[in-house]
Amino acid sequence: TYYISDDGKTDKQLEIFRGYYIGGEKFSDDNIEEVNEKMQVGKKITMLGKLTLYKETIEITSGSKIISIE
C-alpha cells in the first residue's frame, strides 16, 4: 500500500491499496531506489486500477499497476 498526491502533501493524497509497480512488478528492496527516484513531486503517473470508496476512504483497490511515470 502506498499513497500519491498531486502536490506532494499528505492532506489530499490517494491511497493505492496493494498496488504494483510498472508492468505489474512488486515493490521490493531490489527496486526501491528506482521507485524513489522516479516517483517524485511533479511527475505524471498513469495507472490502471479500480477507484472505489472503502468505508470513508477513496482508494484504488488491490491489483492496480503503474503504466508509466513521466
N, C-alpha and C. Protein backbone atom coordinates (compact mmCIF):
# COMPACT_ATOMS: atom_id res chain seq x y z
N THR A 1 0.84 -1.18 0.00
CA THR A 1 0.00 0.00 0.00
C THR A 1 0.88 1.24 0.00
N TYR A 2 0.54 2.21 -0.85
CA TYR A 2 1.28 3.46 -0.89
C TYR A 2 0.30 4.59 -1.21
N TYR A 3 0.80 5.82 -1.13
CA TYR A 3 -0.04 6.99 -1.31
C TYR A 3 0.58 7.92 -2.35
N ILE A 4 -0.27 8.57 -3.14
CA ILE A 4 0.20 9.57 -4.10
C ILE A 4 -0.65 10.82 -3.93
N SER A 5 -0.08 11.95 -4.34
CA SER A 5 -0.84 13.20 -4.32
C SER A 5 -0.35 14.06 -5.48
N ASP A 6 -1.11 15.08 -5.82
CA ASP A 6 -0.73 15.93 -6.93
C ASP A 6 0.24 17.04 -6.52
N ASP A 7 0.44 17.23 -5.22
CA ASP A 7 1.33 18.31 -4.79
C ASP A 7 2.37 17.88 -3.76
N GLY A 8 2.46 16.59 -3.47
CA GLY A 8 3.45 16.10 -2.52
C GLY A 8 3.04 16.23 -1.07
N LYS A 9 1.85 16.76 -0.82
CA LYS A 9 1.37 16.93 0.55
C LYS A 9 0.46 15.77 0.94
N THR A 10 0.32 15.55 2.21
CA THR A 10 -0.45 14.39 2.68
C THR A 10 -1.93 14.65 2.89
N ASP A 11 -2.37 15.90 2.86
CA ASP A 11 -3.77 16.18 3.17
C ASP A 11 -4.75 15.79 2.07
N LYS A 12 -4.28 15.62 0.84
CA LYS A 12 -5.18 15.25 -0.26
C LYS A 12 -4.62 14.06 -1.04
N GLN A 13 -3.98 13.14 -0.35
CA GLN A 13 -3.38 12.02 -1.05
C GLN A 13 -4.38 10.91 -1.32
N LEU A 14 -4.06 10.09 -2.30
CA LEU A 14 -4.89 8.97 -2.71
C LEU A 14 -4.21 7.68 -2.29
N GLU A 15 -4.94 6.80 -1.61
CA GLU A 15 -4.38 5.52 -1.18
C GLU A 15 -4.43 4.53 -2.33
N ILE A 16 -3.30 3.89 -2.57
CA ILE A 16 -3.21 2.81 -3.56
C ILE A 16 -3.04 1.54 -2.75
N PHE A 17 -4.09 0.76 -2.63
CA PHE A 17 -4.10 -0.42 -1.77
C PHE A 17 -3.51 -1.62 -2.51
N ARG A 18 -2.41 -2.11 -2.01
CA ARG A 18 -1.73 -3.29 -2.57
C ARG A 18 -1.53 -3.19 -4.08
N GLY A 19 -1.00 -2.05 -4.50
CA GLY A 19 -0.74 -1.83 -5.92
C GLY A 19 0.62 -2.34 -6.35
N TYR A 20 0.83 -2.42 -7.64
CA TYR A 20 2.08 -2.90 -8.22
C TYR A 20 2.78 -1.79 -9.00
N TYR A 21 4.04 -2.01 -9.23
CA TYR A 21 4.89 -1.07 -9.94
C TYR A 21 4.69 -1.26 -11.45
N ILE A 22 5.52 -0.63 -12.24
CA ILE A 22 5.43 -0.70 -13.70
C ILE A 22 5.47 -2.15 -14.17
N GLY A 23 4.54 -2.49 -15.06
CA GLY A 23 4.48 -3.83 -15.62
C GLY A 23 4.00 -4.89 -14.65
N GLY A 24 3.43 -4.47 -13.51
CA GLY A 24 2.94 -5.44 -12.55
C GLY A 24 4.00 -5.98 -11.60
N GLU A 25 5.19 -5.38 -11.63
CA GLU A 25 6.28 -5.80 -10.75
C GLU A 25 5.96 -5.42 -9.31
N LYS A 26 6.29 -6.29 -8.37
CA LYS A 26 6.08 -5.98 -6.96
C LYS A 26 7.11 -4.96 -6.50
N PHE A 27 6.73 -4.12 -5.56
CA PHE A 27 7.68 -3.21 -4.92
C PHE A 27 8.56 -4.07 -4.01
N SER A 28 9.88 -3.83 -4.05
CA SER A 28 10.79 -4.64 -3.25
C SER A 28 12.05 -3.85 -2.91
N ASP A 29 12.89 -4.43 -2.09
CA ASP A 29 14.18 -3.81 -1.76
C ASP A 29 15.04 -3.67 -3.02
N ASP A 30 14.84 -4.55 -3.99
CA ASP A 30 15.64 -4.51 -5.22
C ASP A 30 15.32 -3.32 -6.11
N ASN A 31 14.09 -2.80 -6.06
CA ASN A 31 13.73 -1.69 -6.94
C ASN A 31 13.37 -0.40 -6.19
N ILE A 32 13.56 -0.36 -4.88
CA ILE A 32 13.13 0.80 -4.10
C ILE A 32 13.86 2.08 -4.50
N GLU A 33 15.15 1.99 -4.85
CA GLU A 33 15.88 3.19 -5.27
C GLU A 33 15.31 3.75 -6.56
N GLU A 34 15.01 2.88 -7.50
CA GLU A 34 14.40 3.30 -8.77
C GLU A 34 13.03 3.93 -8.52
N VAL A 35 12.24 3.31 -7.68
CA VAL A 35 10.91 3.83 -7.36
C VAL A 35 11.01 5.22 -6.75
N ASN A 36 11.87 5.39 -5.76
CA ASN A 36 12.02 6.69 -5.11
C ASN A 36 12.52 7.75 -6.07
N GLU A 37 13.38 7.38 -7.00
CA GLU A 37 13.90 8.32 -7.98
C GLU A 37 12.82 8.75 -8.98
N LYS A 38 12.02 7.81 -9.43
CA LYS A 38 11.01 8.10 -10.45
C LYS A 38 9.74 8.75 -9.90
N MET A 39 9.31 8.36 -8.71
CA MET A 39 8.05 8.85 -8.18
C MET A 39 8.28 10.09 -7.31
N GLN A 40 8.56 11.21 -7.96
CA GLN A 40 8.83 12.47 -7.29
C GLN A 40 7.69 13.46 -7.54
N VAL A 41 7.61 14.48 -6.70
CA VAL A 41 6.63 15.53 -6.88
C VAL A 41 6.80 16.13 -8.27
N GLY A 42 5.70 16.29 -8.98
CA GLY A 42 5.73 16.87 -10.32
C GLY A 42 5.69 15.83 -11.43
N LYS A 43 5.89 14.57 -11.09
CA LYS A 43 5.83 13.51 -12.10
C LYS A 43 4.38 13.15 -12.39
N LYS A 44 4.11 12.78 -13.62
CA LYS A 44 2.78 12.33 -14.01
C LYS A 44 2.78 10.80 -13.98
N ILE A 45 1.90 10.23 -13.16
CA ILE A 45 1.82 8.78 -13.02
C ILE A 45 0.52 8.31 -13.64
N THR A 46 0.63 7.39 -14.59
CA THR A 46 -0.54 6.79 -15.22
C THR A 46 -0.66 5.38 -14.67
N MET A 47 -1.84 5.07 -14.15
CA MET A 47 -2.02 3.74 -13.57
C MET A 47 -3.33 3.12 -14.02
N LEU A 48 -3.39 1.82 -13.90
CA LEU A 48 -4.57 1.05 -14.25
C LEU A 48 -5.09 0.41 -12.97
N GLY A 49 -6.32 0.71 -12.61
CA GLY A 49 -6.88 0.16 -11.39
C GLY A 49 -8.31 0.63 -11.21
N LYS A 50 -8.95 0.11 -10.18
CA LYS A 50 -10.35 0.44 -9.92
C LYS A 50 -10.43 1.40 -8.73
N LEU A 51 -11.02 2.58 -8.97
CA LEU A 51 -11.25 3.57 -7.92
C LEU A 51 -12.51 3.18 -7.16
N THR A 52 -12.42 3.18 -5.83
CA THR A 52 -13.55 2.76 -5.02
C THR A 52 -13.61 3.57 -3.72
N LEU A 53 -14.72 3.47 -3.05
CA LEU A 53 -14.90 4.06 -1.73
C LEU A 53 -14.95 2.90 -0.75
N TYR A 54 -13.91 2.78 0.08
CA TYR A 54 -13.87 1.73 1.09
C TYR A 54 -14.08 2.39 2.45
N LYS A 55 -15.21 2.10 3.06
CA LYS A 55 -15.65 2.79 4.29
C LYS A 55 -15.66 4.28 3.99
N GLU A 56 -14.76 5.06 4.57
CA GLU A 56 -14.73 6.51 4.29
C GLU A 56 -13.50 6.91 3.49
N THR A 57 -12.80 5.94 2.92
CA THR A 57 -11.56 6.21 2.20
C THR A 57 -11.73 5.98 0.70
N ILE A 58 -11.42 7.01 -0.09
CA ILE A 58 -11.38 6.85 -1.54
C ILE A 58 -10.03 6.25 -1.85
N GLU A 59 -10.01 5.13 -2.57
CA GLU A 59 -8.76 4.44 -2.85
C GLU A 59 -8.82 3.70 -4.17
N ILE A 60 -7.64 3.31 -4.63
CA ILE A 60 -7.53 2.39 -5.76
C ILE A 60 -7.41 1.00 -5.15
N THR A 61 -8.26 0.07 -5.58
CA THR A 61 -8.29 -1.27 -4.98
C THR A 61 -7.05 -2.09 -5.32
N SER A 62 -6.92 -3.23 -4.67
CA SER A 62 -5.76 -4.10 -4.86
C SER A 62 -5.66 -4.58 -6.30
N GLY A 63 -4.43 -4.81 -6.71
CA GLY A 63 -4.17 -5.32 -8.06
C GLY A 63 -3.90 -4.26 -9.10
N SER A 64 -3.91 -2.99 -8.73
CA SER A 64 -3.61 -1.94 -9.71
C SER A 64 -2.14 -1.99 -10.11
N LYS A 65 -1.82 -1.35 -11.22
CA LYS A 65 -0.40 -1.28 -11.60
C LYS A 65 -0.13 0.04 -12.27
N ILE A 66 1.10 0.51 -12.11
CA ILE A 66 1.55 1.74 -12.74
C ILE A 66 1.87 1.42 -14.19
N ILE A 67 1.34 2.22 -15.09
CA ILE A 67 1.58 2.04 -16.52
C ILE A 67 2.81 2.85 -16.95
N SER A 68 2.90 4.09 -16.48
CA SER A 68 4.05 4.93 -16.83
C SER A 68 4.26 6.03 -15.81
N ILE A 69 5.49 6.52 -15.77
CA ILE A 69 5.85 7.67 -14.95
C ILE A 69 6.60 8.64 -15.86
N GLU A 70 6.07 9.85 -16.00
CA GLU A 70 6.70 10.85 -16.89
C GLU A 70 7.13 12.04 -16.09
